[in-house]
Each structure stands twice: as C-alpha cells, then as structure tokens.
Amino acid sequence: MDLEDLARALGEHDYGYLLTTAASAEAPGVKVVTVEPTLVDDTLRIVAAGRGSTRNIAANEVVTLTFPPRTYRGYTLIVDGTAEAADGDVVVTPTKAVLHRPADHADGTVPDDGCGHDCAPV
C-alpha cells in the first residue's frame, strides 16, 4: 500500500466509519462509529473515537475503516489495519486498502483476475 495513494483516496471521501469488534460474548457484534480520521505520518488518527471503540480495540486491535463514495456508483474506500488507543484518540496503522464498487457500477469491463468487482488496491 502506498501512503501517498491512501492520502489521495482519503481526499476523495468526506468521512468514514470505524468498525471494531468485541472480544467477549457479553458484548458481541461489530461496533460502528462515524469518524473523520487524519493521516499523520503513516497512521490514521481518530480524535475521540469513544469508549466503546477504545474498549473493543484494547481487546482486539484489528479494525476496518470504510468511507462511502461521494457520488452514486463511486468507489468505497476500505482500509484494514491495527489500532491502539492514545490519549483518548485511536491511532490506526493501515495494513491494506482498496477502492471498491460492484461490478455493475464499473465504467467498463471488469478484469477476470480480481475479486469479481471493480476494485483497485491503494
């Protein structure tokens, strides 16, 4: 993943969602919160992500960020990474990122070598 490409992709999206998972059966499921991360060096910093998200991250550092497209049939940015809480904020180290949209939203033919959708690694 190229961080310059990630910075460009983030610039084409207004906001995103942080997805974290609980590590216990007492609070199962995925927690989703709206975020506006900032790219700082090689990490994404999320200011005041919330107690539930930071609690989940303390138990399970694997997270996903999704950024919906600005326009109909645009690309969704999906960023996987590891996270840690830092002074009330969350810092995500990206490990993988992709621009994704369904094959029927593509501008042309989708190559057979991918996931079957219109995807572009970042």
N, C-alpha and C. Protein backbone atom coordinates (compact mmCIF):
# COMPACT_ATOMS: atom_id res chain seq x y z
N MET A 1 0.84 -1.17 0.00
CA MET A 1 0.00 0.00 0.00
C MET A 1 0.89 1.24 0.00
N ASP A 2 0.56 2.17 -0.85
CA ASP A 2 1.30 3.42 -0.98
C ASP A 2 0.57 4.50 -0.18
N LEU A 3 1.24 5.10 0.79
CA LEU A 3 0.60 6.09 1.65
C LEU A 3 0.20 7.35 0.90
N GLU A 4 0.93 7.70 -0.17
CA GLU A 4 0.51 8.84 -0.99
C GLU A 4 -0.80 8.54 -1.70
N ASP A 5 -0.95 7.29 -2.18
CA ASP A 5 -2.21 6.88 -2.80
C ASP A 5 -3.34 6.89 -1.77
N LEU A 6 -3.03 6.45 -0.54
CA LEU A 6 -4.04 6.47 0.52
C LEU A 6 -4.46 7.91 0.82
N ALA A 7 -3.51 8.82 0.89
CA ALA A 7 -3.82 10.23 1.15
C ALA A 7 -4.73 10.79 0.05
N ARG A 8 -4.44 10.44 -1.21
CA ARG A 8 -5.29 10.89 -2.32
C ARG A 8 -6.69 10.32 -2.20
N ALA A 9 -6.78 9.02 -1.89
CA ALA A 9 -8.08 8.37 -1.76
C ALA A 9 -8.88 8.97 -0.61
N LEU A 10 -8.22 9.25 0.51
CA LEU A 10 -8.91 9.88 1.64
C LEU A 10 -9.43 11.26 1.26
N GLY A 11 -8.68 11.97 0.43
CA GLY A 11 -9.11 13.29 -0.02
C GLY A 11 -10.36 13.27 -0.88
N GLU A 12 -10.71 12.11 -1.40
CA GLU A 12 -11.91 11.97 -2.23
C GLU A 12 -13.10 11.47 -1.43
N HIS A 13 -12.95 11.36 -0.11
CA HIS A 13 -14.02 10.89 0.77
C HIS A 13 -14.14 11.87 1.94
N ASP A 14 -15.39 12.15 2.34
CA ASP A 14 -15.61 13.16 3.37
C ASP A 14 -15.49 12.63 4.79
N TYR A 15 -15.95 11.43 5.03
CA TYR A 15 -15.97 10.85 6.36
C TYR A 15 -15.99 9.34 6.21
N GLY A 16 -15.87 8.64 7.32
CA GLY A 16 -15.89 7.19 7.25
C GLY A 16 -16.50 6.59 8.49
N TYR A 17 -16.40 5.27 8.57
CA TYR A 17 -16.91 4.52 9.71
C TYR A 17 -15.80 3.63 10.24
N LEU A 18 -15.59 3.65 11.55
CA LEU A 18 -14.65 2.77 12.21
C LEU A 18 -15.42 1.56 12.69
N LEU A 19 -14.96 0.37 12.30
CA LEU A 19 -15.59 -0.88 12.72
C LEU A 19 -14.64 -1.61 13.65
N THR A 20 -15.11 -1.90 14.86
CA THR A 20 -14.34 -2.65 15.84
C THR A 20 -15.19 -3.82 16.30
N THR A 21 -14.55 -4.83 16.86
CA THR A 21 -15.31 -5.98 17.37
C THR A 21 -14.95 -6.24 18.82
N ALA A 22 -15.96 -6.66 19.56
CA ALA A 22 -15.75 -7.02 20.95
C ALA A 22 -15.09 -8.38 21.03
N ALA A 23 -14.35 -8.60 22.08
CA ALA A 23 -13.66 -9.87 22.27
C ALA A 23 -14.39 -10.78 23.24
N SER A 24 -15.59 -10.38 23.66
CA SER A 24 -16.30 -11.21 24.63
C SER A 24 -17.73 -11.46 24.17
N ALA A 25 -18.31 -12.52 24.69
CA ALA A 25 -19.70 -12.86 24.37
C ALA A 25 -20.68 -11.92 25.08
N GLU A 26 -20.21 -11.19 26.08
CA GLU A 26 -21.07 -10.27 26.82
C GLU A 26 -21.50 -9.09 25.96
N ALA A 27 -20.66 -8.69 25.02
CA ALA A 27 -20.97 -7.56 24.14
C ALA A 27 -20.60 -7.95 22.71
N PRO A 28 -21.31 -8.95 22.15
CA PRO A 28 -20.94 -9.43 20.81
C PRO A 28 -21.29 -8.43 19.72
N GLY A 29 -20.72 -8.66 18.57
CA GLY A 29 -21.06 -7.86 17.41
C GLY A 29 -19.99 -6.87 17.02
N VAL A 30 -20.32 -6.09 16.04
CA VAL A 30 -19.42 -5.09 15.49
C VAL A 30 -19.93 -3.72 15.93
N LYS A 31 -19.03 -2.90 16.44
CA LYS A 31 -19.37 -1.51 16.80
C LYS A 31 -18.97 -0.63 15.64
N VAL A 32 -19.88 0.24 15.22
CA VAL A 32 -19.64 1.13 14.09
C VAL A 32 -19.85 2.57 14.56
N VAL A 33 -18.84 3.42 14.33
CA VAL A 33 -18.95 4.83 14.67
C VAL A 33 -18.47 5.68 13.49
N THR A 34 -19.08 6.82 13.32
CA THR A 34 -18.69 7.76 12.27
C THR A 34 -17.42 8.48 12.70
N VAL A 35 -16.46 8.58 11.77
CA VAL A 35 -15.17 9.19 12.08
C VAL A 35 -14.68 10.05 10.92
N GLU A 36 -13.76 10.96 11.24
CA GLU A 36 -13.06 11.77 10.24
C GLU A 36 -11.57 11.70 10.56
N PRO A 37 -10.91 10.59 10.17
CA PRO A 37 -9.51 10.43 10.51
C PRO A 37 -8.61 11.39 9.75
N THR A 38 -7.46 11.64 10.36
CA THR A 38 -6.42 12.46 9.75
C THR A 38 -5.20 11.59 9.53
N LEU A 39 -4.63 11.66 8.34
CA LEU A 39 -3.40 10.92 8.05
C LEU A 39 -2.23 11.67 8.68
N VAL A 40 -1.57 11.02 9.64
CA VAL A 40 -0.42 11.59 10.34
C VAL A 40 0.73 10.61 10.17
N ASP A 41 1.75 11.05 9.42
CA ASP A 41 2.87 10.17 9.08
C ASP A 41 2.31 8.92 8.41
N ASP A 42 2.46 7.76 9.01
CA ASP A 42 1.98 6.53 8.38
C ASP A 42 0.80 5.92 9.12
N THR A 43 0.06 6.76 9.87
CA THR A 43 -1.10 6.30 10.63
C THR A 43 -2.32 7.18 10.36
N LEU A 44 -3.47 6.67 10.75
CA LEU A 44 -4.71 7.45 10.71
C LEU A 44 -5.11 7.73 12.15
N ARG A 45 -5.22 9.01 12.51
CA ARG A 45 -5.60 9.40 13.87
C ARG A 45 -7.07 9.79 13.89
N ILE A 46 -7.78 9.18 14.83
CA ILE A 46 -9.21 9.44 15.02
C ILE A 46 -9.36 10.10 16.38
N VAL A 47 -9.82 11.34 16.39
CA VAL A 47 -9.98 12.08 17.63
C VAL A 47 -11.27 11.63 18.32
N ALA A 48 -11.16 11.32 19.61
CA ALA A 48 -12.30 10.98 20.46
C ALA A 48 -13.22 9.94 19.81
N ALA A 49 -12.68 8.76 19.56
CA ALA A 49 -13.45 7.69 18.91
C ALA A 49 -14.55 7.13 19.80
N GLY A 50 -14.44 7.29 21.09
CA GLY A 50 -15.48 6.83 22.00
C GLY A 50 -15.04 5.67 22.88
N ARG A 51 -15.71 5.53 24.01
CA ARG A 51 -15.33 4.50 24.99
C ARG A 51 -15.55 3.09 24.47
N GLY A 52 -16.66 2.85 23.78
CA GLY A 52 -16.92 1.50 23.27
C GLY A 52 -15.89 1.06 22.25
N SER A 53 -15.51 1.95 21.36
CA SER A 53 -14.50 1.62 20.36
C SER A 53 -13.14 1.37 21.01
N THR A 54 -12.76 2.24 21.94
CA THR A 54 -11.46 2.05 22.58
C THR A 54 -11.44 0.79 23.44
N ARG A 55 -12.57 0.45 24.06
CA ARG A 55 -12.65 -0.79 24.83
C ARG A 55 -12.49 -2.00 23.90
N ASN A 56 -13.15 -1.97 22.76
CA ASN A 56 -13.01 -3.05 21.79
C ASN A 56 -11.57 -3.17 21.30
N ILE A 57 -10.94 -2.05 21.01
CA ILE A 57 -9.57 -2.05 20.50
C ILE A 57 -8.60 -2.61 21.54
N ALA A 58 -8.85 -2.34 22.81
CA ALA A 58 -7.99 -2.89 23.86
C ALA A 58 -8.04 -4.41 23.87
N ALA A 59 -9.19 -4.98 23.46
CA ALA A 59 -9.35 -6.43 23.44
C ALA A 59 -9.00 -7.04 22.09
N ASN A 60 -9.17 -6.27 21.02
CA ASN A 60 -8.94 -6.77 19.66
C ASN A 60 -8.48 -5.61 18.79
N GLU A 61 -7.21 -5.58 18.46
CA GLU A 61 -6.62 -4.43 17.75
C GLU A 61 -6.96 -4.37 16.26
N VAL A 62 -7.55 -5.41 15.70
CA VAL A 62 -7.85 -5.45 14.27
C VAL A 62 -9.11 -4.62 14.00
N VAL A 63 -9.00 -3.65 13.07
CA VAL A 63 -10.11 -2.76 12.75
C VAL A 63 -10.25 -2.60 11.24
N THR A 64 -11.39 -2.08 10.85
CA THR A 64 -11.62 -1.70 9.46
C THR A 64 -12.25 -0.31 9.44
N LEU A 65 -11.81 0.49 8.50
CA LEU A 65 -12.42 1.79 8.23
C LEU A 65 -13.06 1.71 6.86
N THR A 66 -14.29 2.20 6.74
CA THR A 66 -14.94 2.27 5.43
C THR A 66 -15.36 3.72 5.19
N PHE A 67 -15.19 4.16 3.95
CA PHE A 67 -15.52 5.52 3.56
C PHE A 67 -16.46 5.45 2.36
N PRO A 68 -17.72 5.86 2.51
CA PRO A 68 -18.66 5.77 1.40
C PRO A 68 -18.30 6.76 0.29
N PRO A 69 -18.71 6.45 -0.93
CA PRO A 69 -18.42 7.36 -2.04
C PRO A 69 -19.22 8.66 -1.92
N ARG A 70 -18.69 9.72 -2.48
CA ARG A 70 -19.40 11.00 -2.52
C ARG A 70 -20.52 10.98 -3.55
N THR A 71 -20.32 10.19 -4.60
CA THR A 71 -21.27 10.18 -5.70
C THR A 71 -21.85 8.78 -5.91
N TYR A 72 -23.03 8.74 -6.47
CA TYR A 72 -23.68 7.48 -6.81
C TYR A 72 -22.78 6.68 -7.75
N ARG A 73 -22.59 5.42 -7.44
CA ARG A 73 -21.75 4.50 -8.20
C ARG A 73 -20.26 4.80 -8.09
N GLY A 74 -19.88 5.61 -7.10
CA GLY A 74 -18.47 5.90 -6.86
C GLY A 74 -17.83 4.77 -6.07
N TYR A 75 -16.55 4.93 -5.80
CA TYR A 75 -15.80 3.92 -5.07
C TYR A 75 -15.93 4.11 -3.55
N THR A 76 -16.10 3.01 -2.84
CA THR A 76 -15.98 2.97 -1.39
C THR A 76 -14.52 2.68 -1.07
N LEU A 77 -13.94 3.43 -0.15
CA LEU A 77 -12.58 3.17 0.31
C LEU A 77 -12.67 2.28 1.54
N ILE A 78 -11.97 1.16 1.53
CA ILE A 78 -11.94 0.23 2.65
C ILE A 78 -10.49 0.11 3.11
N VAL A 79 -10.25 0.38 4.39
CA VAL A 79 -8.90 0.33 4.95
C VAL A 79 -8.90 -0.64 6.14
N ASP A 80 -8.08 -1.68 6.07
CA ASP A 80 -7.88 -2.59 7.19
C ASP A 80 -6.61 -2.18 7.92
N GLY A 81 -6.57 -2.45 9.22
CA GLY A 81 -5.38 -2.11 9.97
C GLY A 81 -5.43 -2.58 11.40
N THR A 82 -4.43 -2.15 12.15
CA THR A 82 -4.39 -2.41 13.58
C THR A 82 -4.47 -1.07 14.29
N ALA A 83 -5.09 -1.08 15.47
CA ALA A 83 -5.34 0.18 16.18
C ALA A 83 -4.87 0.10 17.62
N GLU A 84 -4.63 1.28 18.16
CA GLU A 84 -4.34 1.40 19.58
C GLU A 84 -4.91 2.71 20.08
N ALA A 85 -5.31 2.70 21.35
CA ALA A 85 -5.80 3.92 21.98
C ALA A 85 -4.61 4.76 22.41
N ALA A 86 -4.73 6.08 22.21
CA ALA A 86 -3.65 7.00 22.56
C ALA A 86 -4.26 8.32 23.05
N ASP A 87 -4.25 8.53 24.36
CA ASP A 87 -4.77 9.78 24.95
C ASP A 87 -6.20 10.09 24.53
N GLY A 88 -7.07 9.10 24.56
CA GLY A 88 -8.47 9.30 24.19
C GLY A 88 -8.75 9.20 22.71
N ASP A 89 -7.71 9.20 21.90
CA ASP A 89 -7.86 9.06 20.46
C ASP A 89 -7.56 7.61 20.07
N VAL A 90 -7.79 7.30 18.82
CA VAL A 90 -7.44 5.99 18.27
C VAL A 90 -6.46 6.23 17.13
N VAL A 91 -5.39 5.45 17.11
CA VAL A 91 -4.40 5.54 16.05
C VAL A 91 -4.41 4.21 15.30
N VAL A 92 -4.69 4.29 14.00
CA VAL A 92 -4.77 3.10 13.15
C VAL A 92 -3.55 3.05 12.24
N THR A 93 -2.88 1.91 12.24
CA THR A 93 -1.80 1.66 11.30
C THR A 93 -2.38 0.84 10.16
N PRO A 94 -2.54 1.43 8.97
CA PRO A 94 -3.14 0.71 7.85
C PRO A 94 -2.25 -0.45 7.39
N THR A 95 -2.89 -1.57 7.08
CA THR A 95 -2.16 -2.72 6.54
C THR A 95 -2.59 -3.04 5.11
N LYS A 96 -3.79 -2.61 4.75
CA LYS A 96 -4.30 -2.89 3.41
C LYS A 96 -5.41 -1.89 3.11
N ALA A 97 -5.50 -1.45 1.86
CA ALA A 97 -6.57 -0.54 1.46
C ALA A 97 -6.97 -0.84 0.03
N VAL A 98 -8.26 -0.65 -0.25
CA VAL A 98 -8.78 -0.91 -1.59
C VAL A 98 -9.93 0.06 -1.87
N LEU A 99 -10.02 0.48 -3.12
CA LEU A 99 -11.19 1.20 -3.61
C LEU A 99 -12.10 0.14 -4.22
N HIS A 100 -13.35 0.09 -3.78
CA HIS A 100 -14.24 -1.00 -4.19
C HIS A 100 -15.61 -0.45 -4.64
N ARG A 101 -16.13 -1.10 -5.67
CA ARG A 101 -17.53 -0.88 -6.06
C ARG A 101 -17.99 -2.12 -6.81
N PRO A 102 -19.30 -2.37 -6.82
CA PRO A 102 -19.81 -3.56 -7.50
C PRO A 102 -19.47 -3.54 -8.99
N ALA A 103 -19.37 -4.72 -9.57
CA ALA A 103 -19.02 -4.84 -10.99
C ALA A 103 -20.02 -4.09 -11.87
N ASP A 104 -21.30 -4.10 -11.51
CA ASP A 104 -22.28 -3.42 -12.35
C ASP A 104 -22.23 -1.90 -12.24
N HIS A 105 -21.35 -1.37 -11.40
CA HIS A 105 -21.12 0.07 -11.32
C HIS A 105 -19.88 0.50 -12.09
N ALA A 106 -19.15 -0.46 -12.63
CA ALA A 106 -17.91 -0.17 -13.33
C ALA A 106 -18.17 0.63 -14.61
N ASP A 107 -17.16 1.39 -15.01
CA ASP A 107 -17.26 2.19 -16.23
C ASP A 107 -17.02 1.34 -17.48
N GLY A 108 -16.49 0.16 -17.29
CA GLY A 108 -16.19 -0.72 -18.42
C GLY A 108 -16.16 -2.16 -17.95
N THR A 109 -15.45 -2.98 -18.67
CA THR A 109 -15.33 -4.39 -18.34
C THR A 109 -14.44 -4.57 -17.12
N VAL A 110 -14.84 -5.45 -16.22
CA VAL A 110 -14.06 -5.75 -15.02
C VAL A 110 -13.12 -6.90 -15.34
N PRO A 111 -11.82 -6.76 -15.04
CA PRO A 111 -10.87 -7.84 -15.32
C PRO A 111 -11.22 -9.12 -14.57
N ASP A 112 -10.90 -10.28 -15.18
CA ASP A 112 -11.17 -11.57 -14.57
C ASP A 112 -10.21 -11.91 -13.44
N ASP A 113 -9.12 -11.17 -13.29
CA ASP A 113 -8.09 -11.53 -12.32
C ASP A 113 -8.35 -10.98 -10.91
N GLY A 114 -9.42 -10.25 -10.72
CA GLY A 114 -9.69 -9.64 -9.41
C GLY A 114 -10.72 -10.39 -8.62
N CYS A 115 -11.44 -9.66 -7.78
CA CYS A 115 -12.43 -10.24 -6.87
C CYS A 115 -13.79 -10.41 -7.54
N GLY A 116 -13.90 -10.03 -8.80
CA GLY A 116 -15.19 -10.09 -9.48
C GLY A 116 -15.94 -8.78 -9.45
N HIS A 117 -15.39 -7.80 -8.73
CA HIS A 117 -15.98 -6.47 -8.66
C HIS A 117 -14.98 -5.47 -9.26
N ASP A 118 -15.36 -4.21 -9.27
CA ASP A 118 -14.49 -3.16 -9.77
C ASP A 118 -13.65 -2.66 -8.59
N CYS A 119 -12.48 -3.22 -8.40
CA CYS A 119 -11.62 -2.91 -7.26
C CYS A 119 -10.25 -2.42 -7.73
N ALA A 120 -9.66 -1.56 -6.91
CA ALA A 120 -8.32 -1.07 -7.19
C ALA A 120 -7.56 -0.98 -5.87
N PRO A 121 -6.49 -1.78 -5.71
CA PRO A 121 -5.69 -1.66 -4.49
C PRO A 121 -5.13 -0.25 -4.35
N VAL A 122 -4.99 0.21 -3.13
CA VAL A 122 -4.42 1.53 -2.87
C VAL A 122 -2.98 1.35 -2.46
